[in-house]
Protein backbone atom coordinates (compact mmCIF):
# COMPACT_ATOMS: atom_id res chain seq x y z
CA GLY A 1 0.10 0.00 -0.01
CA SER A 2 2.90 2.34 -0.19
CA ASP A 3 2.82 5.35 -2.72
CA LEU A 4 6.39 5.10 -4.30
CA ALA A 5 9.07 2.38 -4.64
CA MET A 6 12.60 3.01 -5.68
CA LEU A 7 15.45 0.75 -6.31
CA TRP A 8 19.02 2.49 -5.71
CA ARG A 9 22.37 1.02 -6.53
CA LEU A 10 25.16 1.44 -3.92
CA ARG A 11 28.62 2.66 -5.02
CA ASP A 12 31.18 3.91 -2.61
CA HIS A 13 28.45 5.38 -0.46
CA ARG A 14 26.74 6.80 -3.29
CA LEU A 15 23.22 6.22 -4.38
CA GLU A 16 22.41 5.75 -8.21
CA LEU A 17 18.87 5.31 -9.24
CA VAL A 18 18.11 2.09 -11.06
CA ALA A 19 14.29 2.38 -11.28
CA SER A 20 11.06 3.89 -9.58
CA ASP A 21 7.46 3.32 -9.56
CA PRO A 22 5.45 5.52 -10.38
CA HIS A 23 7.75 7.56 -12.59
CA SER A 24 8.42 11.26 -11.22
CA GLU A 25 10.15 14.14 -12.98
CA HIS A 26 12.12 14.34 -9.55
CA LEU A 27 13.63 10.80 -10.13
CA PRO A 28 15.13 10.98 -13.62
CA ALA A 29 17.10 7.94 -14.75
CA GLY A 30 20.69 7.68 -13.41
CA LEU A 31 20.00 10.28 -10.70
CA VAL A 32 22.97 10.12 -8.11
CA GLY A 33 22.51 10.92 -4.32
CA ASP A 34 24.75 10.90 -1.20
CA LEU A 35 24.08 8.03 1.27
CA ALA A 36 25.41 10.15 3.96
CA ASP A 37 22.22 12.47 3.80
CA PHE A 38 20.14 9.56 5.20
CA PRO A 39 22.06 8.44 8.41
CA SER A 40 19.65 5.61 9.33
CA LEU A 41 19.65 4.16 5.88
CA LEU A 42 23.56 4.23 6.06
CA ASP A 43 23.29 2.17 9.17
CA ALA A 44 20.69 -0.23 7.79
CA VAL A 45 22.99 -0.77 4.67
CA ASP A 46 26.12 -1.32 6.79
CA GLU A 47 24.13 -3.79 8.98
CA LEU A 48 22.24 -5.49 6.10
CA ARG A 49 18.88 -5.21 8.02
CA VAL A 50 15.36 -4.08 6.94
CA SER A 51 14.70 -0.67 8.70
CA PHE A 52 11.70 1.69 9.09
CA VAL A 53 11.60 5.36 9.33
CA PRO A 54 8.35 7.06 10.63
CA ASP A 55 9.23 10.41 8.77
CA VAL A 56 12.24 10.45 6.44
CA GLN A 57 11.90 14.27 6.34
CA GLU A 58 12.95 14.58 10.03
CA GLU A 59 16.26 12.76 9.43
CA ALA A 60 17.31 13.44 5.93
CA ARG A 61 19.57 16.36 4.99
CA GLY A 62 21.20 18.27 2.18
CA ALA A 63 20.13 17.30 -1.22
CA GLY A 64 18.52 14.26 0.13
CA LEU A 65 16.00 16.24 2.27
CA GLU A 66 15.39 18.72 -0.62
CA ARG A 67 14.35 15.63 -2.89
CA THR A 68 12.17 13.93 -0.30
CA ARG A 69 10.36 17.27 0.34
CA ARG A 70 9.84 17.75 -3.58
CA LEU A 71 8.47 14.06 -3.65
CA GLY A 72 6.17 14.68 -0.78
CA ILE A 73 7.05 11.40 1.16
CA HIS A 74 7.29 10.64 4.88
CA SER A 75 7.34 7.07 6.15
CA SER A 76 9.94 4.83 4.35
CA MET A 77 10.87 1.00 4.47
CA ARG A 78 14.44 0.41 3.63
CA VAL A 79 15.48 -3.08 2.36
CA PRO A 80 19.31 -3.56 1.54
CA ILE A 81 19.96 -6.30 -1.03
CA ALA A 82 23.29 -8.08 -0.60
CA VAL A 83 25.28 -9.62 -3.35
CA GLY A 84 27.89 -11.90 -1.65
CA GLU A 85 28.88 -10.15 1.49
CA ASP A 86 28.07 -6.60 0.72
CA ALA A 87 24.83 -4.66 -0.05
CA GLU A 88 24.92 -3.52 -3.65
CA LEU A 89 21.14 -2.44 -3.81
CA VAL A 90 18.52 -0.91 -1.71
CA LEU A 91 14.81 -1.04 -2.00
CA ILE A 92 12.88 1.97 -0.57
CA VAL A 93 9.30 1.83 -0.23
CA SER A 94 7.67 5.11 0.96
CA TRP A 95 4.35 6.71 1.84
CA GLU A 96 3.20 10.28 1.40
CA ARG A 97 1.83 10.21 4.90
CA VAL A 98 3.22 9.15 8.33
CA VAL A 99 2.25 5.36 8.96
CA SER A 100 2.78 3.08 11.83
CA GLU A 101 5.78 0.61 11.82
CA PRO A 102 4.87 -2.59 10.05
CA ASP A 103 4.61 -5.72 12.04
CA SER A 104 7.40 -8.09 12.51
CA SER A 105 6.04 -10.57 10.14
CA THR A 106 6.02 -7.90 7.31
CA ILE A 107 9.66 -7.08 8.26
CA ALA A 108 10.63 -10.72 8.13
CA LEU A 109 8.97 -11.06 4.73
CA LEU A 110 10.96 -8.13 3.34
CA GLY A 111 14.09 -9.69 4.76
CA ARG A 112 13.35 -13.01 2.84
CA PHE A 113 12.58 -11.04 -0.33
CA ALA A 114 15.88 -9.33 0.00
CA ASP A 115 17.66 -12.78 0.42
CA GLN A 116 15.91 -14.13 -2.59
CA ALA A 117 16.65 -11.06 -4.63
CA GLY A 118 20.34 -11.11 -3.66
CA PHE A 119 20.63 -14.91 -4.49
CA ALA A 120 19.11 -14.28 -8.03
CA LEU A 121 21.50 -11.42 -8.44
CA GLU A 122 24.40 -13.65 -7.53
CA GLN A 123 23.17 -16.21 -10.15
CA VAL A 124 23.07 -13.15 -12.71
CA VAL A 125 26.71 -12.24 -11.75
CA ARG A 126 27.89 -15.84 -12.08
CA ARG A 127 26.17 -16.56 -15.37
CA ARG A 128 27.58 -13.22 -16.79
CA ALA A 129 31.15 -14.12 -15.49
CA GLU A 130 30.77 -17.80 -17.11
CA ALA A 131 29.50 -16.04 -20.39
CA GLU A 132 32.57 -13.73 -20.43
CA ALA A 133 34.81 -16.63 -19.61
CA ALA A 134 33.41 -18.51 -22.60
CA THR A 135 33.79 -15.66 -24.89
CA ARG A 136 37.40 -14.98 -23.86
CA ALA A 137 38.11 -18.66 -24.46
CA GLU A 138 36.62 -18.54 -27.87
CA GLU A 139 38.40 -15.49 -28.52
CA THR A 140 41.72 -17.20 -27.66
CA HIS A 141 40.73 -20.17 -29.70
CA ARG A 142 40.17 -17.97 -32.67
CA LEU A 143 43.37 -16.11 -32.15
CA GLN A 144 45.17 -19.22 -32.07
CA ALA A 145 43.78 -20.44 -35.32
CA ILE A 146 44.56 -17.09 -37.22
CA THR A 147 48.05 -17.15 -35.65
CA ALA A 148 48.62 -20.79 -37.09
CA ALA A 149 47.17 -19.77 -40.28
CA LEU A 150 49.43 -16.61 -40.62
CA SER A 151 52.42 -18.49 -39.57
CA GLN A 152 51.95 -20.54 -42.86
CA ALA A 153 51.37 -17.45 -45.07
CA ALA A 154 54.63 -16.55 -46.88
CA THR A 155 53.42 -13.69 -49.21
CA ALA A 156 51.53 -10.37 -48.68
CA ALA A 157 48.64 -12.03 -50.71
CA ASP A 158 48.60 -15.02 -48.52
CA VAL A 159 48.58 -12.99 -45.39
CA SER A 160 45.91 -10.54 -46.60
CA SER A 161 43.53 -13.41 -47.66
CA THR A 162 43.86 -15.11 -44.21
CA CYS A 163 43.17 -11.83 -42.59
CA VAL A 164 40.00 -11.19 -44.51
CA GLU A 165 38.78 -14.87 -44.14
CA HIS A 166 39.16 -14.86 -40.27
CA ALA A 167 37.81 -11.44 -40.02
CA LEU A 168 34.60 -12.28 -42.11
CA SER A 169 33.95 -15.39 -40.21
CA ALA A 170 34.39 -13.87 -36.64
CA VAL A 171 31.93 -10.81 -36.94
CA GLY A 172 29.59 -12.10 -39.71
CA ALA A 173 30.72 -9.41 -42.35
CA ASP A 174 29.34 -9.94 -45.79
CA ALA A 175 32.35 -8.87 -47.74
CA GLY A 176 35.85 -7.62 -47.18
CA PHE A 177 39.27 -6.63 -48.59
CA VAL A 178 42.74 -5.45 -47.76
CA VAL A 179 44.55 -2.71 -49.34
CA LEU A 180 48.41 -2.01 -49.12
CA SER A 181 49.79 1.48 -49.43
CA SER A 182 53.44 3.10 -49.49
CA PRO A 183 54.57 6.13 -48.18
CA ASP A 184 55.60 7.75 -51.51
CA ASP A 185 52.40 6.91 -53.62
CA ARG A 186 48.66 7.88 -53.00
CA ALA A 187 47.38 4.87 -54.98
CA VAL A 188 46.81 1.65 -53.04
CA GLU A 189 47.01 -1.87 -54.03
CA LEU A 190 43.98 -4.02 -53.46
CA VAL A 191 45.66 -7.40 -52.56
CA ALA A 192 42.89 -9.71 -51.26
CA ASN A 193 39.12 -9.64 -51.12
CA SER A 194 36.15 -11.79 -50.44
CA GLY A 195 32.29 -11.30 -51.07
CA TYR A 196 32.46 -8.51 -53.49
CA SER A 197 31.03 -8.57 -57.13
CA ASP A 198 33.34 -7.56 -59.93
CA GLU A 199 31.39 -4.30 -60.22
CA GLU A 200 32.00 -3.31 -56.53
CA LEU A 201 35.66 -4.18 -56.79
CA THR A 202 36.15 -2.12 -59.90
CA SER A 203 34.39 0.81 -58.03
CA TRP A 204 36.76 0.46 -54.97
CA ARG A 205 39.98 -0.04 -57.14
CA GLY A 206 39.11 3.37 -58.46
CA TYR A 207 39.77 5.23 -55.18
CA SER A 208 42.94 6.28 -53.68
CA LEU A 209 44.31 7.63 -50.46
CA ASP A 210 42.94 11.08 -51.49
CA SER A 211 39.39 9.80 -51.46
CA ASP A 212 37.46 10.21 -48.30
CA GLY A 213 36.59 6.60 -47.91
CA PRO A 214 36.73 4.14 -44.90
CA TYR A 215 39.91 2.78 -45.51
CA SER A 216 41.69 5.89 -46.55
CA ARG A 217 40.32 7.63 -43.45
CA ALA A 218 41.58 4.72 -41.24
CA ILE A 219 45.12 4.85 -42.90
CA ALA A 220 45.34 8.70 -42.63
CA THR A 221 44.35 8.82 -39.04
CA GLY A 222 45.61 5.43 -37.70
CA GLU A 223 42.37 4.91 -36.06
CA PRO A 224 39.58 2.26 -36.51
CA VAL A 225 36.53 3.45 -38.42
CA TRP A 226 33.16 2.14 -37.14
CA ALA A 227 30.67 3.30 -39.85
CA LEU A 228 27.44 1.32 -38.83
CA THR A 229 24.81 3.77 -38.84
CA PRO A 230 23.22 5.77 -41.67
CA ASP A 231 24.90 9.00 -40.38
CA ALA A 232 28.34 7.56 -40.15
CA LEU A 233 27.88 6.41 -43.76
CA ALA A 234 26.81 9.68 -45.10
CA SER A 235 29.89 11.43 -43.53
CA PHE A 236 32.14 9.95 -46.41
CA SER A 237 31.99 12.48 -49.21
CA GLY A 238 34.64 10.91 -51.10
CA VAL A 239 33.04 7.54 -52.29
CA GLU A 240 29.68 6.69 -53.93
CA THR A 241 27.07 5.14 -51.83
CA LEU A 242 27.29 1.38 -52.52
CA ASP A 243 24.96 -1.34 -51.36
CA GLY A 244 25.42 -1.99 -47.81
CA ALA A 245 24.29 -0.85 -44.28
CA GLY A 246 27.87 -0.53 -42.52
CA TRP A 247 31.55 -0.17 -43.19
CA VAL A 248 34.25 -1.02 -40.85
CA ALA A 249 38.09 -0.14 -41.64
CA LEU A 250 40.88 -0.87 -39.47
CA PRO A 251 44.61 0.37 -40.07
CA LEU A 252 47.35 -2.05 -40.54
CA GLN A 253 50.14 -0.55 -38.28
CA THR A 254 53.62 -1.61 -37.36
CA GLY A 255 56.37 0.09 -35.78
CA SER A 256 57.30 1.56 -39.41
CA GLY A 257 53.88 3.05 -39.90
CA THR A 258 50.69 2.33 -41.36
CA GLY A 259 51.04 0.24 -44.41
CA GLY A 260 47.44 -0.49 -45.39
CA ALA A 261 43.81 -1.35 -43.97
CA LEU A 262 41.30 -4.02 -43.66
CA GLN A 263 37.80 -2.86 -44.76
CA LEU A 264 34.57 -5.08 -44.07
CA LEU A 265 31.25 -4.55 -45.45
CA PHE A 266 27.81 -5.36 -43.86
CA ARG A 267 24.89 -5.40 -46.20
CA THR A 268 22.21 -5.38 -43.43
CA ALA A 269 22.27 -3.18 -40.19
CA ARG A 270 24.59 -4.58 -37.55
CA THR A 271 26.19 -3.50 -34.32
CA LEU A 272 29.53 -4.57 -32.99
CA SER A 273 30.14 -5.56 -29.42
CA GLU A 274 33.14 -4.26 -27.35
CA GLY A 275 34.29 -7.83 -27.44
CA GLU A 276 34.03 -8.20 -31.33
CA ARG A 277 35.73 -4.73 -31.91
CA ARG A 278 38.50 -5.73 -29.59
CA TRP A 279 39.02 -9.08 -31.33
CA LEU A 280 39.01 -7.37 -34.87
CA GLN A 281 41.69 -4.84 -33.56
CA THR A 282 43.93 -7.74 -32.15
CA VAL A 283 43.61 -9.74 -35.45
CA VAL A 284 44.49 -6.60 -37.41
CA SER A 285 47.49 -6.22 -35.37
CA GLN A 286 48.61 -9.73 -36.02
CA CYS A 287 48.06 -9.44 -39.71
CA ALA A 288 50.16 -6.17 -39.79
CA GLN A 289 52.87 -8.06 -38.08
CA ALA A 290 52.85 -10.92 -40.58
CA LEU A 291 52.59 -8.31 -43.46
CA GLU A 292 55.91 -6.65 -42.14
CA ARG A 293 57.33 -10.15 -41.89
CA SER A 294 56.45 -10.87 -45.32
CA ARG A 295 57.88 -7.70 -46.74
CA LEU A 296 61.11 -8.39 -45.01
CA PHE A 297 61.08 -11.78 -46.41
CA ASP A 298 60.36 -10.60 -49.87
CA GLU A 299 63.15 -7.92 -49.66
CA GLU A 300 65.63 -10.65 -48.27
CA GLN A 301 64.72 -12.66 -51.10
CA LEU A 302 65.05 -10.16 -53.96
CA LEU A 303 68.54 -9.33 -52.65
CA ARG A 304 69.64 -12.78 -52.38
CA ARG A 305 68.43 -13.25 -56.16
CA ARG A 306 70.06 -10.12 -57.25
CA SER A 307 73.40 -11.29 -55.64
CA GLU A 308 73.18 -14.80 -57.17
CA ARG A 309 72.41 -13.19 -60.36
CA LEU A 310 75.34 -10.63 -60.16
CA GLN A 311 77.61 -13.62 -59.24
CA GLY A 312 76.38 -15.71 -62.20
CA MET A 313 76.86 -12.60 -64.58
CA THR A 314 80.48 -11.92 -63.16
CA ALA A 315 81.34 -15.62 -63.64
CA ALA A 316 79.89 -15.65 -67.21
CA LEU A 317 81.70 -12.23 -68.09
CA SER A 318 84.94 -13.69 -66.77
CA ASN A 319 84.76 -16.31 -69.53
CA ALA A 320 83.87 -14.11 -72.37
CA LEU A 321 86.92 -13.17 -74.58
CA THR A 322 85.44 -11.12 -77.35
CA ARG A 323 82.83 -8.32 -77.66
CA SER A 324 80.40 -10.63 -79.20
CA GLU A 325 80.65 -12.99 -76.13
CA VAL A 326 80.42 -10.01 -73.71
CA ALA A 327 77.28 -8.93 -75.66
CA ASP A 328 75.67 -12.33 -75.59
CA VAL A 329 76.23 -12.49 -71.72
CA ALA A 330 74.72 -8.97 -71.26
CA VAL A 331 71.69 -9.72 -73.24
CA GLU A 332 70.96 -12.98 -71.69
CA GLN A 333 71.50 -11.74 -68.17
CA LEU A 334 69.77 -8.52 -68.52
CA THR A 335 66.71 -10.11 -70.07
CA GLU A 336 66.23 -12.37 -67.31
CA ALA A 337 66.95 -9.66 -64.49
CA VAL A 338 64.27 -7.16 -65.77
CA GLY A 339 61.81 -9.40 -67.72
CA ALA A 340 62.25 -7.46 -70.78
CA SER A 341 60.84 -8.59 -74.13
CA GLY A 342 63.82 -7.52 -75.88
CA VAL A 343 67.41 -6.45 -75.33
CA ALA A 344 69.87 -5.20 -77.85
CA VAL A 345 73.48 -4.20 -77.50
C-alpha cells in the first residue's frame, strides 16, 4: 500500500537510481545521491537489515532532504539487497503520509525477499562471469587459429587473404578486402578480397588515399573506422554510396607506420560488441605484423636473387673473350633480370 518504490544501486557510499514506480520528474534515470544524507539508511546498509523510518523528512539532510520534500514522502521502509557479503542495492518503499511501523512478520517477509533477490543477483553475476569466460576462451581459440594460419602465409597476398577470411568469419561481415599502401604513392593496391562482385571491386579500385573513404580515413588517422549507422555512412564524401548498411575499416600498423587497411562490409544493419571490436583490432594487429614479416622476407629474397644473378653474370663475363661474347652475356643476363621482351647491344 505504499505510494512510491525506488531501487538504488550503492557505489562507494553513493546512491544511483536504477528504477522507480510510479515515474516522477524528480527521479530521472541515473539520478545520483549521497548515502550520508540519510544516516539511518547508512546504518541499515552497513548492518544489512530491514529498517523503518516514521518520517524521512525528520532525518534527511542536504540534497536528500530537498528531494524527499519535492517528492512529498514521509514514512519509508529500507530493504538492503546483498550480493555476496556486501549490499549492492537498496529497495525503498515510501508513503506520502506518516504510517505506523509494519509488524514483525512484514519485516521478516521483506528480509526474505531481500535474500532471494540477492541470491538471484548472484546467479546473474555468476552467469555473466561464465559467459565472459566462454567468450574469452572462444576469442583465444580463434586467435590461435589465425596465428597458426598466418604462420603458414609467406606472401603479402597469403597474409591478406587469411586476414580477410578470419575477420569475415568472426563478426559475420558479408564482404571485405585488404589494401596496401606506400608512403611515396597515393595509390593503393587491393591485394585480397572476398564477397564482392566484380562491379563493386572495380569501383573500390578506382579510389586512392586522397578519396574520403573508410580505408583511406583509417590509414590517414591510424584509428579504426566504425561506420555502422546511416549518419556515419553519410559522412564519407569521397566515395559513392554502394550497397550496404555498414563499413568497418582498421589500419594495418607496425613500428614502421601504417601500411594499409582491412575494410569490411555489412549489407544489413549490424552493431558490434566491445568484444568483437577488440578481437578485430587484435587480429588486424597480428596481420600487420605478418605483413611486415612478409615484406622483410620478400626484400631478403630479392637481395639474394640479385646477389646470385650478379655472381652468375660476373662468372659468365670472366669467360667471355670477345666483344660478341660479352654482348651475348649482357643480353641474356639483363633479359632475365628485368623481364624485358627484348634487349639489344
